[in-house]
Amino acid sequence: MLWENALIYIAWLYNAWQSEAHPAPLKKQLEEGYRFIVQQAEGFYFGASSNPFLKSSKKYEEQEMKKRQTCCLYYKTDGGTCFKTCPMNEAD
């Protein structure tokens, strides 16, 4: 669940940055950084034997971030709700 949560936020930040008006070289650098983190970085960067984002990143790219695999349980906190991508969220 930790890595899936991290991937959700990394992808959200990346998409937000890409939608902003940045010079082409910066957009390219953002793209390269994102690809490195979620697809190319070796496991030792994460304290693991392999990149924990590899499996999830491909799934999310194919589904365009429609649904997460696990619920982050944020809805159980004071004032918390289900996020749009939460599997507990019944509204599609």
N, C-alpha and C. Protein backbone atom coordinates (compact mmCIF):
# COMPACT_ATOMS: atom_id res chain seq x y z
N MET A 1 0.82 -1.18 0.00
CA MET A 1 0.00 0.00 0.00
C MET A 1 0.87 1.26 0.00
N LEU A 2 2.00 1.23 0.70
CA LEU A 2 2.90 2.39 0.75
C LEU A 2 3.34 2.80 -0.65
N TRP A 3 3.80 1.84 -1.45
CA TRP A 3 4.32 2.17 -2.77
C TRP A 3 3.21 2.61 -3.71
N GLU A 4 2.04 2.03 -3.57
CA GLU A 4 0.93 2.46 -4.41
C GLU A 4 0.54 3.90 -4.06
N ASN A 5 0.50 4.23 -2.76
CA ASN A 5 0.20 5.60 -2.35
C ASN A 5 1.25 6.56 -2.90
N ALA A 6 2.52 6.19 -2.79
CA ALA A 6 3.59 7.04 -3.31
C ALA A 6 3.44 7.25 -4.81
N LEU A 7 3.15 6.19 -5.54
CA LEU A 7 2.98 6.29 -6.99
C LEU A 7 1.82 7.21 -7.35
N ILE A 8 0.73 7.12 -6.63
CA ILE A 8 -0.43 7.98 -6.89
C ILE A 8 -0.02 9.45 -6.79
N TYR A 9 0.71 9.80 -5.73
CA TYR A 9 1.10 11.19 -5.54
C TYR A 9 2.18 11.64 -6.52
N ILE A 10 3.10 10.76 -6.83
CA ILE A 10 4.13 11.11 -7.82
C ILE A 10 3.47 11.36 -9.18
N ALA A 11 2.56 10.49 -9.58
CA ALA A 11 1.87 10.64 -10.86
C ALA A 11 1.01 11.91 -10.86
N TRP A 12 0.34 12.20 -9.74
CA TRP A 12 -0.48 13.40 -9.66
C TRP A 12 0.39 14.65 -9.81
N LEU A 13 1.52 14.69 -9.10
CA LEU A 13 2.43 15.83 -9.22
C LEU A 13 2.96 15.96 -10.64
N TYR A 14 3.38 14.86 -11.21
CA TYR A 14 3.90 14.89 -12.57
C TYR A 14 2.86 15.44 -13.54
N ASN A 15 1.63 14.93 -13.45
CA ASN A 15 0.57 15.40 -14.35
C ASN A 15 0.27 16.88 -14.14
N ALA A 16 0.31 17.33 -12.89
CA ALA A 16 0.08 18.75 -12.61
C ALA A 16 1.19 19.59 -13.23
N TRP A 17 2.44 19.17 -13.07
CA TRP A 17 3.56 19.92 -13.64
C TRP A 17 3.51 19.93 -15.16
N GLN A 18 3.14 18.81 -15.74
CA GLN A 18 3.09 18.73 -17.20
C GLN A 18 2.00 19.63 -17.77
N SER A 19 0.95 19.87 -17.01
CA SER A 19 -0.14 20.71 -17.52
C SER A 19 0.18 22.21 -17.37
N GLU A 20 1.23 22.53 -16.63
CA GLU A 20 1.63 23.92 -16.47
C GLU A 20 2.48 24.38 -17.65
N ALA A 21 2.54 25.68 -17.83
CA ALA A 21 3.32 26.26 -18.94
C ALA A 21 4.79 26.34 -18.55
N HIS A 22 5.55 25.32 -18.94
CA HIS A 22 6.99 25.28 -18.69
C HIS A 22 7.72 25.22 -20.03
N PRO A 23 8.95 25.67 -20.08
CA PRO A 23 9.74 25.54 -21.31
C PRO A 23 9.91 24.06 -21.69
N ALA A 24 10.02 23.80 -22.95
CA ALA A 24 10.15 22.42 -23.45
C ALA A 24 11.28 21.64 -22.77
N PRO A 25 12.47 22.24 -22.55
CA PRO A 25 13.53 21.48 -21.89
C PRO A 25 13.15 21.02 -20.47
N LEU A 26 12.41 21.87 -19.75
CA LEU A 26 11.98 21.49 -18.41
C LEU A 26 10.94 20.38 -18.47
N LYS A 27 10.01 20.46 -19.42
CA LYS A 27 9.02 19.39 -19.57
C LYS A 27 9.70 18.06 -19.90
N LYS A 28 10.74 18.12 -20.74
CA LYS A 28 11.48 16.90 -21.08
C LYS A 28 12.17 16.35 -19.83
N GLN A 29 12.75 17.23 -19.03
CA GLN A 29 13.42 16.80 -17.80
C GLN A 29 12.42 16.19 -16.82
N LEU A 30 11.22 16.77 -16.72
CA LEU A 30 10.18 16.20 -15.86
C LEU A 30 9.79 14.80 -16.34
N GLU A 31 9.61 14.66 -17.65
CA GLU A 31 9.27 13.35 -18.23
C GLU A 31 10.36 12.32 -17.93
N GLU A 32 11.61 12.70 -18.14
CA GLU A 32 12.72 11.78 -17.89
C GLU A 32 12.81 11.42 -16.41
N GLY A 33 12.60 12.39 -15.54
CA GLY A 33 12.63 12.12 -14.10
C GLY A 33 11.53 11.17 -13.67
N TYR A 34 10.34 11.40 -14.19
CA TYR A 34 9.21 10.53 -13.88
C TYR A 34 9.47 9.10 -14.35
N ARG A 35 9.90 8.96 -15.59
CA ARG A 35 10.18 7.63 -16.14
C ARG A 35 11.28 6.93 -15.34
N PHE A 36 12.29 7.68 -14.94
CA PHE A 36 13.37 7.07 -14.15
C PHE A 36 12.83 6.54 -12.83
N ILE A 37 12.08 7.37 -12.12
CA ILE A 37 11.58 6.97 -10.80
C ILE A 37 10.65 5.77 -10.89
N VAL A 38 9.70 5.80 -11.81
CA VAL A 38 8.68 4.75 -11.80
C VAL A 38 8.99 3.54 -12.68
N GLN A 39 10.00 3.65 -13.56
CA GLN A 39 10.26 2.50 -14.44
C GLN A 39 11.71 2.07 -14.51
N GLN A 40 12.66 2.97 -14.33
CA GLN A 40 14.05 2.63 -14.59
C GLN A 40 14.92 2.48 -13.35
N ALA A 41 14.56 3.17 -12.27
CA ALA A 41 15.40 3.14 -11.06
C ALA A 41 15.50 1.71 -10.53
N GLU A 42 16.69 1.37 -10.11
CA GLU A 42 16.91 0.04 -9.55
C GLU A 42 16.39 -0.03 -8.12
N GLY A 43 16.18 -1.23 -7.66
CA GLY A 43 15.61 -1.46 -6.34
C GLY A 43 16.38 -0.85 -5.19
N PHE A 44 17.70 -0.75 -5.31
CA PHE A 44 18.47 -0.23 -4.17
C PHE A 44 18.11 1.20 -3.83
N TYR A 45 17.56 1.97 -4.78
CA TYR A 45 17.10 3.33 -4.47
C TYR A 45 15.94 3.32 -3.48
N PHE A 46 15.24 2.20 -3.43
CA PHE A 46 14.05 2.07 -2.58
C PHE A 46 14.28 1.12 -1.41
N GLY A 47 15.50 0.62 -1.27
CA GLY A 47 15.78 -0.35 -0.22
C GLY A 47 15.14 -1.69 -0.50
N ALA A 48 15.01 -2.01 -1.78
CA ALA A 48 14.34 -3.24 -2.19
C ALA A 48 15.17 -3.94 -3.26
N SER A 49 14.77 -5.14 -3.61
CA SER A 49 15.51 -5.88 -4.64
C SER A 49 15.12 -5.44 -6.05
N SER A 50 13.95 -4.82 -6.19
CA SER A 50 13.52 -4.31 -7.50
C SER A 50 12.72 -3.04 -7.29
N ASN A 51 12.47 -2.33 -8.38
CA ASN A 51 11.71 -1.09 -8.32
C ASN A 51 10.26 -1.41 -7.96
N PRO A 52 9.78 -0.91 -6.82
CA PRO A 52 8.41 -1.25 -6.40
C PRO A 52 7.33 -0.59 -7.25
N PHE A 53 7.70 0.36 -8.11
CA PHE A 53 6.72 1.02 -8.95
C PHE A 53 6.51 0.32 -10.29
N LEU A 54 7.39 -0.57 -10.68
CA LEU A 54 7.31 -1.18 -12.01
C LEU A 54 5.95 -1.78 -12.32
N LYS A 55 5.48 -2.62 -11.45
CA LYS A 55 4.22 -3.33 -11.69
C LYS A 55 3.04 -2.36 -11.70
N SER A 56 2.99 -1.48 -10.73
CA SER A 56 1.85 -0.56 -10.61
C SER A 56 1.86 0.52 -11.68
N SER A 57 3.03 1.01 -12.07
CA SER A 57 3.07 2.12 -13.03
C SER A 57 2.48 1.72 -14.37
N LYS A 58 2.75 0.53 -14.81
CA LYS A 58 2.19 0.08 -16.09
C LYS A 58 0.68 -0.06 -16.00
N LYS A 59 0.19 -0.57 -14.88
CA LYS A 59 -1.25 -0.73 -14.67
C LYS A 59 -1.93 0.63 -14.67
N TYR A 60 -1.35 1.58 -13.96
CA TYR A 60 -1.97 2.90 -13.88
C TYR A 60 -1.93 3.64 -15.21
N GLU A 61 -0.87 3.46 -15.96
CA GLU A 61 -0.81 4.12 -17.27
C GLU A 61 -1.87 3.55 -18.20
N GLU A 62 -2.08 2.25 -18.13
CA GLU A 62 -3.09 1.62 -18.98
C GLU A 62 -4.50 2.04 -18.56
N GLN A 63 -4.74 2.15 -17.25
CA GLN A 63 -6.07 2.48 -16.75
C GLN A 63 -6.27 3.98 -16.59
N GLU A 64 -5.26 4.78 -16.86
CA GLU A 64 -5.32 6.22 -16.69
C GLU A 64 -5.73 6.58 -15.27
N MET A 65 -5.16 5.88 -14.28
CA MET A 65 -5.38 6.15 -12.87
C MET A 65 -6.85 6.04 -12.46
N LYS A 66 -7.61 5.16 -13.05
CA LYS A 66 -9.03 5.06 -12.73
C LYS A 66 -9.28 4.49 -11.34
N LYS A 67 -8.65 3.40 -11.00
CA LYS A 67 -8.87 2.76 -9.70
C LYS A 67 -7.56 2.27 -9.11
N ARG A 68 -7.44 2.43 -7.82
CA ARG A 68 -6.29 1.90 -7.09
C ARG A 68 -6.56 0.43 -6.77
N GLN A 69 -5.54 -0.29 -6.42
CA GLN A 69 -5.70 -1.67 -6.00
C GLN A 69 -6.12 -1.75 -4.54
N THR A 70 -5.64 -0.84 -3.71
CA THR A 70 -5.91 -0.88 -2.28
C THR A 70 -6.44 0.47 -1.82
N CYS A 71 -7.20 0.43 -0.76
CA CYS A 71 -7.71 1.66 -0.15
C CYS A 71 -6.66 2.17 0.83
N CYS A 72 -6.43 3.48 0.85
CA CYS A 72 -5.44 4.06 1.76
C CYS A 72 -6.03 4.32 3.14
N LEU A 73 -7.30 4.09 3.31
CA LEU A 73 -8.02 4.25 4.57
C LEU A 73 -8.15 5.69 5.03
N TYR A 74 -7.89 6.63 4.16
CA TYR A 74 -8.04 8.04 4.51
C TYR A 74 -9.46 8.36 4.97
N TYR A 75 -10.43 7.65 4.42
CA TYR A 75 -11.82 7.90 4.77
C TYR A 75 -12.09 7.65 6.25
N LYS A 76 -11.21 6.90 6.92
CA LYS A 76 -11.39 6.61 8.34
C LYS A 76 -10.85 7.70 9.25
N THR A 77 -10.16 8.69 8.69
CA THR A 77 -9.64 9.78 9.51
C THR A 77 -10.73 10.83 9.72
N ASP A 78 -10.53 11.69 10.70
CA ASP A 78 -11.49 12.77 10.95
C ASP A 78 -11.62 13.63 9.71
N GLY A 79 -12.81 13.71 9.18
CA GLY A 79 -13.06 14.52 8.00
C GLY A 79 -12.59 13.89 6.70
N GLY A 80 -12.06 12.69 6.76
CA GLY A 80 -11.55 12.02 5.56
C GLY A 80 -12.66 11.51 4.66
N THR A 81 -12.35 11.40 3.40
CA THR A 81 -13.30 10.88 2.42
C THR A 81 -12.56 9.89 1.53
N CYS A 82 -13.29 9.24 0.67
CA CYS A 82 -12.67 8.37 -0.33
C CYS A 82 -12.20 9.24 -1.50
N PHE A 83 -10.98 9.00 -1.95
CA PHE A 83 -10.46 9.69 -3.12
C PHE A 83 -11.15 9.16 -4.37
N LYS A 84 -11.07 9.90 -5.44
CA LYS A 84 -11.72 9.51 -6.70
C LYS A 84 -11.23 8.15 -7.18
N THR A 85 -9.97 7.82 -6.94
CA THR A 85 -9.40 6.57 -7.43
C THR A 85 -9.52 5.41 -6.44
N CYS A 86 -10.19 5.64 -5.31
CA CYS A 86 -10.30 4.63 -4.26
C CYS A 86 -11.19 3.46 -4.70
N PRO A 87 -10.78 2.23 -4.41
CA PRO A 87 -11.63 1.09 -4.76
C PRO A 87 -12.90 1.04 -3.90
N MET A 88 -12.91 1.76 -2.77
CA MET A 88 -14.10 1.81 -1.91
C MET A 88 -15.13 2.81 -2.44
N ASN A 89 -14.71 3.68 -3.33
CA ASN A 89 -15.58 4.72 -3.87
C ASN A 89 -16.52 4.10 -4.89
N GLU A 90 -17.78 4.18 -4.62
CA GLU A 90 -18.76 3.55 -5.52
C GLU A 90 -19.13 4.43 -6.70
N ALA A 91 -18.85 5.71 -6.60
CA ALA A 91 -19.19 6.63 -7.71
C ALA A 91 -18.08 6.60 -8.72
N ASP A 92 -18.34 6.10 -9.89
CA ASP A 92 -17.34 6.06 -10.96
C ASP A 92 -17.44 7.27 -11.81
